Protein backbone atom coordinates (compact mmCIF):
# COMPACT_ATOMS: atom_id res chain seq x y z
CA UNK A 1 43.06 71.36 -24.50
CA UNK A 2 41.80 70.01 -21.54
CA UNK A 3 43.32 71.83 -18.62
CA UNK A 4 40.86 73.89 -17.17
CA UNK A 5 41.15 77.48 -17.55
CA UNK A 6 39.64 79.52 -14.90
CA UNK A 7 38.84 83.37 -15.03
CA UNK A 8 35.65 85.40 -15.63
CA UNK A 9 34.36 86.00 -19.22
CA UNK A 10 33.35 89.68 -19.30
CA UNK A 11 31.25 89.62 -22.61
CA UNK A 12 30.08 87.75 -24.97
CA UNK A 13 28.74 89.18 -28.58
CA UNK A 14 26.66 87.91 -31.59
CA UNK A 15 27.98 87.92 -35.09
CA UNK A 16 25.89 87.24 -38.17
CA UNK A 17 27.78 85.97 -41.00
CA UNK A 18 26.20 85.31 -44.83
CA UNK A 19 23.07 82.88 -45.33
CA UNK A 20 23.73 79.51 -45.71
CA UNK A 21 24.91 78.93 -49.34
CA UNK A 22 26.97 76.99 -51.03
CA UNK A 23 30.50 78.48 -50.69
CA UNK A 24 32.52 75.95 -52.77
CA UNK A 25 33.47 72.29 -53.46
CA UNK A 26 35.86 69.99 -51.91
CA UNK A 27 36.45 66.52 -53.34
CA UNK A 28 32.93 66.85 -54.86
CA UNK A 29 31.25 67.73 -51.64
CA UNK A 30 29.32 70.75 -51.01
CA UNK A 31 30.70 72.88 -48.26
CA UNK A 32 28.08 75.32 -46.55
CA UNK A 33 29.14 78.23 -43.78
CA UNK A 34 26.92 78.88 -40.68
CA UNK A 35 24.00 81.57 -40.82
CA UNK A 36 24.59 82.88 -37.03
CA UNK A 37 27.78 82.49 -34.68
CA UNK A 38 27.76 82.98 -31.06
CA UNK A 39 30.93 84.04 -30.31
CA UNK A 40 32.65 84.94 -26.86
CA UNK A 41 34.54 88.44 -27.03
CA UNK A 42 36.72 89.58 -23.95
CA UNK A 43 36.75 93.06 -22.49
CA UNK A 44 40.07 92.29 -21.27
CA UNK A 45 42.62 90.80 -23.50
CA UNK A 46 44.03 89.03 -20.74
CA UNK A 47 41.21 87.19 -20.07
CA UNK A 48 40.57 83.70 -22.09
CA UNK A 49 37.21 82.71 -23.38
CA UNK A 50 35.58 79.41 -22.57
CA UNK A 51 35.58 76.70 -25.02
CA UNK A 52 32.16 74.93 -25.68
CA UNK A 53 31.80 71.55 -24.40
CA UNK A 54 28.19 70.99 -24.59
CA UNK A 55 24.80 72.74 -25.92
CA UNK A 56 21.20 72.36 -25.10
CA UNK A 57 18.17 73.68 -26.61
CA UNK A 58 14.86 73.70 -24.87
CA UNK A 59 12.13 71.62 -26.61
CA UNK A 60 10.63 74.89 -28.32
CA UNK A 61 13.81 76.04 -29.78
CA UNK A 62 13.75 79.44 -28.15
CA UNK A 63 16.55 78.97 -25.01
CA UNK A 64 20.04 77.68 -25.61
CA UNK A 65 22.40 76.71 -22.65
CA UNK A 66 26.09 76.63 -23.37
CA UNK A 67 28.71 75.21 -20.91
CA UNK A 68 32.74 74.93 -21.05
CA UNK A 69 35.92 75.18 -18.82
CA UNK A 70 34.92 78.77 -17.16
CA UNK A 71 32.66 76.48 -14.65
CA UNK A 72 29.67 78.49 -15.71
CA UNK A 73 26.40 78.08 -17.40
CA UNK A 74 25.24 80.37 -20.01
CA UNK A 75 21.55 81.05 -21.06
CA UNK A 76 20.88 82.50 -24.15
CA UNK A 77 17.86 83.58 -26.23
CA UNK A 78 18.48 81.03 -29.29
CA UNK A 79 16.49 83.21 -31.67
CA UNK A 80 17.92 86.44 -31.25
CA UNK A 81 21.49 85.07 -29.56
CA UNK A 82 21.22 87.71 -26.74
CA UNK A 83 22.90 86.70 -23.37
CA UNK A 84 19.74 86.09 -20.75
CA UNK A 85 22.01 85.12 -17.79
CA UNK A 86 25.19 83.38 -16.46
CA UNK A 87 24.80 80.50 -13.72
CA UNK A 88 27.44 79.59 -11.48
CA UNK A 89 26.76 76.41 -9.24
CA UNK A 90 30.02 74.39 -10.35
CA UNK A 91 33.84 74.50 -9.16
CA UNK A 92 34.91 73.06 -12.16
CA UNK A 93 34.56 71.99 -16.02
CA UNK A 94 31.39 71.65 -17.04
CA UNK A 95 31.29 68.96 -19.43
CA UNK A 96 27.64 68.02 -20.15
CA UNK A 97 24.01 70.25 -20.24
CA UNK A 98 20.61 68.76 -21.08
CA UNK A 99 16.95 70.02 -21.04
CA UNK A 100 14.32 67.89 -19.66
CA UNK A 101 11.59 66.97 -22.54
CA UNK A 102 9.17 69.26 -21.42
CA UNK A 103 11.74 72.41 -21.02
CA UNK A 104 11.02 72.58 -17.21
CA UNK A 105 14.71 71.46 -16.17
CA UNK A 106 18.15 72.33 -17.31
CA UNK A 107 20.49 69.36 -15.83
CA UNK A 108 24.35 70.37 -15.89
CA UNK A 109 27.12 68.56 -14.44
CA UNK A 110 31.43 68.36 -15.03
CA UNK A 111 34.35 67.36 -13.31
CA UNK A 112 33.42 68.44 -9.90
CA UNK A 113 30.86 65.38 -9.88
CA UNK A 114 28.06 67.63 -9.10
CA UNK A 115 24.74 67.61 -10.98
CA UNK A 116 22.78 70.81 -11.03
CA UNK A 117 18.78 70.78 -11.58
CA UNK A 118 17.76 74.33 -12.71
CA UNK A 119 14.69 75.86 -13.60
CA UNK A 120 15.36 77.98 -16.45
CA UNK A 121 14.02 81.00 -15.20
CA UNK A 122 15.94 80.62 -11.62
CA UNK A 123 19.58 82.11 -10.52
CA UNK A 124 20.41 79.14 -8.68
CA UNK A 125 19.47 75.14 -8.51
CA UNK A 126 16.47 73.91 -6.77
CA UNK A 127 18.60 70.89 -6.24
CA UNK A 128 22.44 69.96 -6.39
CA UNK A 129 22.62 66.01 -6.22
CA UNK A 130 25.47 64.20 -4.38
CA UNK A 131 28.80 64.74 -5.77
CA UNK A 132 30.03 61.66 -7.70
CA UNK A 133 33.44 61.42 -6.64
CA UNK A 134 34.94 60.39 -10.27
CA UNK A 135 32.93 63.51 -12.09
CA UNK A 136 30.43 63.42 -14.76
CA UNK A 137 30.94 63.40 -18.17
CA UNK A 138 27.56 62.83 -19.83
CA UNK A 139 23.98 63.51 -18.66
CA UNK A 140 20.68 62.25 -20.87
CA UNK A 141 17.21 62.65 -20.24
CA UNK A 142 15.00 59.51 -21.25
CA UNK A 143 12.52 61.02 -23.90
CA UNK A 144 9.27 60.52 -21.58
CA UNK A 145 11.20 62.54 -19.05
CA UNK A 146 11.07 59.50 -16.19
CA UNK A 147 14.50 59.14 -15.56
CA UNK A 148 17.93 61.40 -15.90
CA UNK A 149 21.37 59.23 -16.51
CA UNK A 150 24.81 60.22 -15.56
CA UNK A 151 28.04 58.55 -16.45
CA UNK A 152 31.71 59.50 -15.72
CA UNK A 153 35.09 58.40 -15.00
CA UNK A 154 33.98 55.71 -12.76
CA UNK A 155 32.43 52.15 -13.87
CA UNK A 156 28.65 53.14 -13.20
CA UNK A 157 25.99 55.02 -14.71
CA UNK A 158 23.92 56.42 -12.16
CA UNK A 159 19.71 57.00 -12.68
CA UNK A 160 17.67 59.56 -11.10
CA UNK A 161 14.19 60.48 -11.18
CA UNK A 162 13.76 63.16 -13.97
CA UNK A 163 11.80 65.35 -11.99
CA UNK A 164 12.78 65.23 -8.08
CA UNK A 165 16.44 63.81 -8.84
CA UNK A 166 15.95 61.22 -6.50
CA UNK A 167 18.15 58.44 -6.83
CA UNK A 168 16.56 55.28 -8.99
CA UNK A 169 19.43 52.80 -9.11
CA UNK A 170 23.07 52.18 -10.49
CA UNK A 171 24.21 50.56 -13.87
CA UNK A 172 27.41 48.25 -14.23
CA UNK A 173 29.42 50.15 -17.10
CA UNK A 174 31.11 48.21 -19.50
CA UNK A 175 34.65 50.67 -18.74
CA UNK A 176 35.96 53.12 -16.46
CA UNK A 177 35.59 56.57 -18.07
CA UNK A 178 32.71 56.53 -20.02
CA UNK A 179 31.80 59.45 -22.60
CA UNK A 180 28.76 59.07 -24.43
CA UNK A 181 25.05 58.36 -23.26
CA UNK A 182 22.19 58.03 -25.61
CA UNK A 183 18.47 56.92 -24.83
CA UNK A 184 16.13 55.58 -27.27
CA UNK A 185 13.20 57.17 -28.39
CA UNK A 186 11.15 55.14 -26.54
CA UNK A 187 12.65 55.72 -23.29
CA UNK A 188 13.04 51.93 -23.07
CA UNK A 189 16.68 51.23 -23.94
CA UNK A 190 20.03 53.14 -22.67
CA UNK A 191 23.18 53.35 -24.29
CA UNK A 192 26.82 54.14 -22.95
CA UNK A 193 30.41 54.00 -23.88
CA UNK A 194 33.84 55.04 -23.33
CA UNK A 195 37.34 54.27 -23.09
CA UNK A 196 37.42 50.72 -23.87
CA UNK A 197 35.18 50.97 -27.02
CA UNK A 198 32.50 48.64 -25.99
CA UNK A 199 28.71 49.96 -26.28
CA UNK A 200 26.46 48.84 -23.61
CA UNK A 201 22.78 48.90 -24.13
CA UNK A 202 20.42 48.10 -21.31
CA UNK A 203 16.79 47.37 -20.91
CA UNK A 204 15.53 50.32 -18.45
CA UNK A 205 12.57 48.45 -17.12
CA UNK A 206 14.65 45.58 -15.81
CA UNK A 207 18.11 47.02 -15.61
CA UNK A 208 19.86 44.34 -17.47
CA UNK A 209 22.25 44.69 -20.30
CA UNK A 210 20.65 43.22 -23.77
CA UNK A 211 23.48 44.44 -26.07
CA UNK A 212 27.60 44.54 -25.68
CA UNK A 213 28.60 45.93 -28.97
CA UNK A 214 32.68 45.41 -29.22
CA UNK A 215 33.44 46.17 -32.74
CA UNK A 216 35.28 49.69 -31.69
CA UNK A 217 39.01 49.26 -31.02
CA UNK A 218 39.41 52.53 -29.27
CA UNK A 219 37.78 54.97 -27.06
CA UNK A 220 33.74 55.72 -28.28
CA UNK A 221 33.09 59.50 -27.62
CA UNK A 222 29.45 59.90 -29.24
CA UNK A 223 26.36 57.79 -29.59
CA UNK A 224 23.14 58.90 -31.20
CA UNK A 225 19.68 57.19 -31.65
CA UNK A 226 17.92 57.60 -34.78
CA UNK A 227 14.35 59.61 -34.07
CA UNK A 228 12.42 56.10 -35.12
CA UNK A 229 15.20 54.28 -32.90
CA UNK A 230 16.11 51.88 -35.51
CA UNK A 231 19.68 52.81 -35.60
CA UNK A 232 22.39 53.73 -33.38
CA UNK A 233 25.65 55.77 -34.60
CA UNK A 234 28.98 55.76 -32.60
CA UNK A 235 32.15 57.29 -32.86
CA UNK A 236 35.05 58.24 -31.37
CA UNK A 237 38.96 57.88 -31.36
CA UNK A 238 39.45 55.37 -34.14
CA UNK A 239 37.54 57.83 -36.30
CA UNK A 240 35.28 55.35 -38.23
CA UNK A 241 31.34 55.94 -37.79
CA UNK A 242 29.59 52.57 -36.88
CA UNK A 243 25.55 52.44 -37.45
CA UNK A 244 24.00 49.43 -35.53
CA UNK A 245 20.71 47.89 -35.73
CA UNK A 246 19.27 48.29 -32.22
CA UNK A 247 16.84 45.47 -32.39
CA UNK A 248 19.70 42.75 -33.12
CA UNK A 249 22.81 44.58 -32.02
CA UNK A 250 24.37 43.84 -35.31
CA UNK A 251 26.51 46.21 -37.29
CA UNK A 252 24.72 47.27 -40.43
CA UNK A 253 27.05 50.24 -41.70
CA UNK A 254 30.65 51.59 -41.33
CA UNK A 255 31.16 54.91 -42.68
CA UNK A 256 34.66 55.83 -44.12
CA UNK A 257 37.53 56.83 -41.49
CA UNK A 258 37.85 60.79 -41.12
CA UNK A 259 41.05 62.87 -40.84
CA UNK A 260 39.59 63.63 -37.24
CA UNK A 261 38.54 61.80 -33.99
CA UNK A 262 34.60 61.94 -33.95
CA UNK A 263 33.49 63.81 -30.89
CA UNK A 264 29.88 64.41 -31.51
CA UNK A 265 26.99 62.79 -33.43
CA UNK A 266 23.18 63.90 -34.16
CA UNK A 267 20.56 62.47 -36.60
CA UNK A 268 19.38 65.19 -38.71
CA UNK A 269 16.24 63.80 -39.82
CA UNK A 270 16.00 59.67 -40.77
CA UNK A 271 18.47 59.64 -43.64
CA UNK A 272 21.09 62.18 -42.18
CA UNK A 273 23.67 62.11 -39.60
CA UNK A 274 25.81 64.63 -38.64
CA UNK A 275 29.27 64.26 -37.09
CA UNK A 276 31.38 66.78 -35.50
CA UNK A 277 35.34 66.17 -35.30
CA UNK A 278 38.63 66.99 -34.03
CA UNK A 279 39.43 68.36 -37.40
CA UNK A 280 36.92 71.36 -37.00
CA UNK A 281 34.30 70.22 -39.42
CA UNK A 282 31.11 69.03 -39.19
CA UNK A 283 29.96 66.26 -41.97
CA UNK A 284 26.37 65.42 -42.89
CA UNK A 285 26.10 61.98 -44.15
CA UNK A 286 23.53 60.47 -46.19
CA UNK A 287 22.95 57.10 -44.90
CA UNK A 288 21.33 56.04 -47.93
CA UNK A 289 24.20 56.39 -50.19
CA UNK A 290 26.87 55.85 -47.29
CA UNK A 291 28.41 59.17 -48.64
CA UNK A 292 29.29 62.77 -47.29
CA UNK A 293 26.78 64.93 -48.48
CA UNK A 294 27.82 68.22 -46.91
CA UNK A 295 30.75 69.91 -44.88
CA UNK A 296 29.85 72.63 -42.70
CA UNK A 297 32.77 74.79 -42.36
CA UNK A 298 33.71 77.63 -40.19
CA UNK A 299 34.54 76.20 -36.76
CA UNK A 300 38.32 76.67 -35.91
CA UNK A 301 38.54 74.45 -33.04
CA UNK A 302 37.45 70.75 -32.29
CA UNK A 303 33.26 70.20 -32.60
CA UNK A 304 32.37 68.95 -29.31
CA UNK A 305 28.59 69.63 -29.28
CA UNK A 306 25.69 69.00 -31.85
CA UNK A 307 22.17 69.53 -31.53
CA UNK A 308 19.19 69.20 -33.75
CA UNK A 309 15.96 70.98 -33.58
CA UNK A 310 13.97 69.03 -36.08
CA UNK A 311 10.89 71.67 -36.26
CA UNK A 312 13.32 74.66 -37.49
CA UNK A 313 15.36 72.06 -39.38
CA UNK A 314 18.12 73.78 -37.31
CA UNK A 315 21.59 72.20 -36.27
CA UNK A 316 23.62 73.65 -33.57
CA UNK A 317 26.99 73.04 -32.96
CA UNK A 318 29.59 73.90 -30.12
CA UNK A 319 33.39 74.03 -30.05
CA UNK A 320 36.43 74.53 -28.33
CA UNK A 321 36.94 77.76 -30.58
CA UNK A 322 34.72 79.33 -28.09
CA UNK A 323 32.02 79.78 -30.56
CA UNK A 324 28.46 78.25 -31.09
CA UNK A 325 27.11 78.22 -34.61
CA UNK A 326 23.82 77.42 -36.11
CA UNK A 327 23.19 75.80 -39.61
CA UNK A 328 19.76 75.64 -41.27
CA UNK A 329 19.17 72.61 -43.23
CA UNK A 330 16.19 72.79 -45.27
CA UNK A 331 15.34 69.85 -46.94
CA UNK A 332 15.49 71.25 -50.41
CA UNK A 333 19.15 72.86 -50.10
CA UNK A 334 20.28 69.52 -48.61
CA UNK A 335 18.83 67.46 -51.63
CA UNK A 336 20.25 70.04 -53.89
CA UNK A 337 23.85 70.02 -52.42
CA UNK A 338 23.84 66.30 -52.00
CA UNK A 339 23.18 65.75 -56.00
CA UNK A 340 26.02 67.78 -56.99
């Protein structure tokens, strides 16, 4: 699945599906379908559509970026679904895309080790950072926009100026093959994890580790901070989701193992956590009750990316099935579904 698939993709089309309403019930858990789907559709049957490895929304929710194994960056009108442009700067699978907090910079990176910084309206990157020989699997801006962090298959997390791309330092990672990065909402701490299951958290003002969280036994693939910064969620190959107290580094909750590995995580408000997995489902957890409140169904491949638009209460997902799906999670519908 992870082998690179080259070749140009000729066309993408937007498909509208039924509005988000309960479809059916499984094991007393409500299931919802997406409200919209962006799906690559090839004009040439011999060409393969690119998988989606990362999605990013700009702060206004108007611009969507998707990347994958075709080496391209796709920019979309997120509200209308129209393709704006395709950007070429990478020579291998693009693993990560993130917008800066002010929306003025889109950063992309992947297996070619190259980090490209784009102005969203431009056709070419305004800066390409020196290649990292081990490749890049994850990027994260600090919420204040001051720093951009990059991690990959080496033993270091590299820090760059979030506006200029100038190098700012190197953090010693807990292992080789890092897969996940997350910045705390106050921009004070950075978490990274990967192959050996250890989550390391640094104080960014000093560059020193403050916690090594070692409960995971297998590879960690996803990290997410809650909006208030009080909790950090983690998941990966062992399929349980762990929730940590960020002040003390103590484990406060373990969400039951699932059939698939956890590949993506995002908090949807203070009490809900969405998890995308290798069994093609997105599960929305109610952290108060420690139970699944919703299952979001429709993907036919591993759900590799999740992003939350808090203002619109919109969850956006990307998948190896080559689609991007939109899931409005209005508070009233969520509460109704979770009570059933």
